[in-house]
């Protein structure tokens, strides 16, 4: 099964992200993330079998971190010269990156690059990039604070109508 680890977002944060999506929609063509699928990915695990899943669950239960406050940050693009994904950062980056690093250590991996973000749209085409970038600078992002109390192991099933996510287990933060 295809799995990943994520932080779920409260409804009021998703509503703000949907508002932002509506504001940028006239400037580009792409696949916008539906509210029900909005989350912050901590680690993509890929295809794993039941035995590996059991081992991962056991390792993740050993993570002992404190819950924390988070909020929306600013627009981001992995490559501003060739925009393929538009996202909003999630702050505080240092604490979220720390959670990511603890997950990697627990799984026996060396932490690599990590960007704390929520994807809004996978871009197919931007007709006027200058106007689009100008618009992103003018949008006021309401920082909608929320408490992160856990991270979630999710199963992802790809369908022609988009992914379907299913929570497999929650890992509480102290």
Protein backbone atom coordinates (compact mmCIF):
# COMPACT_ATOMS: atom_id res chain seq x y z
CA UNK A 1 0.00 0.00 0.00
CA UNK A 2 1.10 3.59 -0.68
CA UNK A 3 1.62 5.54 2.56
CA UNK A 4 2.85 8.83 3.97
CA UNK A 5 3.06 10.74 7.25
CA UNK A 6 1.29 14.08 7.63
CA UNK A 7 -0.05 16.78 9.89
CA UNK A 8 -3.78 17.29 9.36
CA UNK A 9 -5.16 20.80 9.20
CA UNK A 10 -8.23 22.13 11.02
CA UNK A 11 -11.23 23.19 8.94
CA UNK A 12 -10.69 26.93 9.49
CA UNK A 13 -7.17 26.64 8.07
CA UNK A 14 -8.49 24.69 5.08
CA UNK A 15 -11.11 27.40 4.53
CA UNK A 16 -8.36 30.05 4.39
CA UNK A 17 -6.39 27.92 1.92
CA UNK A 18 -9.49 27.53 -0.26
CA UNK A 19 -9.96 31.32 -0.21
CA UNK A 20 -6.37 31.72 -1.41
CA UNK A 21 -6.93 29.09 -4.12
CA UNK A 22 -9.94 31.08 -5.40
CA UNK A 23 -7.83 34.25 -5.57
CA UNK A 24 -5.07 32.67 -7.66
CA UNK A 25 -7.31 30.47 -9.82
CA UNK A 26 -7.81 33.09 -12.61
CA UNK A 27 -4.04 33.29 -13.12
CA UNK A 28 -3.22 29.67 -13.86
CA UNK A 29 -4.39 26.28 -15.06
CA UNK A 30 -3.76 23.28 -12.85
CA UNK A 31 -5.04 20.69 -10.44
CA UNK A 32 -6.15 22.45 -7.26
CA UNK A 33 -6.00 20.46 -4.03
CA UNK A 34 -9.45 19.75 -2.59
CA UNK A 35 -10.11 20.79 1.00
CA UNK A 36 -10.48 17.19 2.17
CA UNK A 37 -6.97 16.41 0.88
CA UNK A 38 -5.13 19.40 2.35
CA UNK A 39 -2.36 18.45 4.78
CA UNK A 40 1.31 19.01 5.52
CA UNK A 41 3.34 16.01 4.35
CA UNK A 42 6.14 15.08 6.72
CA UNK A 43 7.42 11.97 4.96
CA UNK A 44 6.36 10.03 1.87
CA UNK A 45 6.89 6.33 2.61
CA UNK A 46 5.94 4.95 -0.81
CA UNK A 47 4.73 1.41 -1.38
CA UNK A 48 5.03 -0.71 1.76
CA UNK A 49 3.73 -4.13 2.72
CA UNK A 50 2.01 -5.13 5.98
CA UNK A 51 5.24 -6.34 7.65
CA UNK A 52 7.04 -3.07 6.89
CA UNK A 53 3.97 -1.11 8.02
CA UNK A 54 4.00 -2.91 11.37
CA UNK A 55 7.70 -2.09 11.82
CA UNK A 56 7.16 1.58 10.91
CA UNK A 57 4.28 1.91 13.38
CA UNK A 58 6.42 0.44 16.15
CA UNK A 59 9.28 2.86 15.44
CA UNK A 60 7.03 5.93 15.20
CA UNK A 61 5.44 5.20 18.59
CA UNK A 62 8.85 5.86 20.18
CA UNK A 63 8.91 9.50 19.07
CA UNK A 64 8.51 11.80 22.08
CA UNK A 65 7.99 15.43 21.12
CA UNK A 66 5.82 18.18 22.54
CA UNK A 67 2.72 19.49 20.84
CA UNK A 68 3.15 22.95 19.37
CA UNK A 69 1.38 25.92 17.79
CA UNK A 70 1.59 26.37 14.02
CA UNK A 71 0.23 28.76 11.43
CA UNK A 72 0.22 29.59 7.75
CA UNK A 73 3.20 31.49 6.37
CA UNK A 74 3.69 32.72 2.81
CA UNK A 75 3.54 31.59 -0.82
CA UNK A 76 6.26 29.30 -2.06
CA UNK A 77 7.41 27.57 -5.23
CA UNK A 78 10.05 24.86 -5.50
CA UNK A 79 11.40 26.55 -8.63
CA UNK A 80 10.29 30.17 -9.20
CA UNK A 81 11.66 30.08 -12.76
CA UNK A 82 9.53 27.04 -13.65
CA UNK A 83 6.53 26.91 -11.30
CA UNK A 84 5.01 23.43 -11.07
CA UNK A 85 3.62 23.51 -7.53
CA UNK A 86 2.21 26.48 -5.62
CA UNK A 87 2.22 26.12 -1.86
CA UNK A 88 1.87 27.98 1.42
CA UNK A 89 4.53 27.53 4.09
CA UNK A 90 3.63 26.38 7.58
CA UNK A 91 5.40 27.99 10.53
CA UNK A 92 7.36 27.55 12.75
CA UNK A 93 9.57 25.83 10.20
CA UNK A 94 12.24 24.89 12.74
CA UNK A 95 9.86 22.93 14.97
CA UNK A 96 8.18 21.16 12.05
CA UNK A 97 11.57 20.33 10.55
CA UNK A 98 12.55 18.95 13.98
CA UNK A 99 9.54 16.62 13.88
CA UNK A 100 10.51 15.54 10.36
CA UNK A 101 14.10 14.85 11.54
CA UNK A 102 12.86 12.79 14.50
CA UNK A 103 10.70 10.73 12.12
CA UNK A 104 13.67 10.12 9.82
CA UNK A 105 15.88 9.10 12.75
CA UNK A 106 13.20 6.77 14.12
CA UNK A 107 12.94 5.11 10.71
CA UNK A 108 16.73 4.76 10.46
CA UNK A 109 17.13 7.35 7.71
CA UNK A 110 19.39 10.35 7.39
CA UNK A 111 17.31 13.55 7.27
CA UNK A 112 17.44 15.29 3.89
CA UNK A 113 16.01 18.56 2.62
CA UNK A 114 12.58 19.42 3.96
CA UNK A 115 10.20 22.31 3.26
CA UNK A 116 7.28 22.80 5.63
CA UNK A 117 4.35 23.48 3.27
CA UNK A 118 0.81 22.73 2.14
CA UNK A 119 0.38 22.27 -1.62
CA UNK A 120 -2.42 24.31 -3.20
CA UNK A 121 -2.12 23.51 -6.90
CA UNK A 122 -0.09 21.41 -9.30
CA UNK A 123 0.41 23.84 -12.16
CA UNK A 124 -0.12 22.93 -15.80
CA UNK A 125 0.13 26.43 -17.26
CA UNK A 126 0.57 30.07 -16.25
CA UNK A 127 -0.29 32.51 -19.04
CA UNK A 128 1.19 35.62 -17.43
CA UNK A 129 3.76 34.69 -14.79
CA UNK A 130 4.52 38.32 -13.88
CA UNK A 131 0.83 39.03 -13.11
CA UNK A 132 0.56 35.79 -11.16
CA UNK A 133 3.61 36.56 -9.01
CA UNK A 134 2.37 40.11 -8.48
CA UNK A 135 -0.98 38.72 -7.29
CA UNK A 136 0.72 36.38 -4.80
CA UNK A 137 2.49 39.38 -3.26
CA UNK A 138 -0.81 41.23 -2.79
CA UNK A 139 -2.78 38.40 -1.16
CA UNK A 140 -2.98 38.74 2.61
CA UNK A 141 -2.67 35.31 4.18
CA UNK A 142 -4.48 35.12 7.50
CA UNK A 143 -2.11 33.15 9.67
CA UNK A 144 -4.86 30.98 11.21
CA UNK A 145 -3.01 29.48 14.17
CA UNK A 146 -3.66 25.91 15.26
CA UNK A 147 -2.25 23.39 17.68
CA UNK A 148 -0.40 20.35 16.35
CA UNK A 149 -1.19 17.53 18.75
CA UNK A 150 -0.31 14.56 16.54
CA UNK A 151 0.91 13.40 13.18
CA UNK A 152 -0.88 10.77 11.11
CA UNK A 153 0.08 7.70 9.10
CA UNK A 154 -2.05 7.77 5.97
CA UNK A 155 -2.78 5.38 3.16
CA UNK A 156 -3.10 6.94 -0.29
CA UNK A 157 -5.11 5.27 -3.04
CA UNK A 158 -4.71 6.89 -6.45
CA UNK A 159 -7.85 7.05 -8.60
CA UNK A 160 -8.71 8.79 -11.90
CA UNK A 161 -10.66 11.34 -9.81
CA UNK A 162 -7.70 12.11 -7.53
CA UNK A 163 -6.21 10.51 -4.43
CA UNK A 164 -8.25 9.04 -1.59
CA UNK A 165 -6.60 9.28 1.82
CA UNK A 166 -7.34 7.02 4.76
CA UNK A 167 -5.96 7.49 8.28
CA UNK A 168 -4.24 4.35 9.52
CA UNK A 169 -2.91 5.60 12.86
CA UNK A 170 -2.36 8.81 14.84
CA UNK A 171 0.84 9.41 16.80
CA UNK A 172 0.24 11.83 19.67
CA UNK A 173 2.67 14.52 20.68
CA UNK A 174 3.02 15.14 24.43
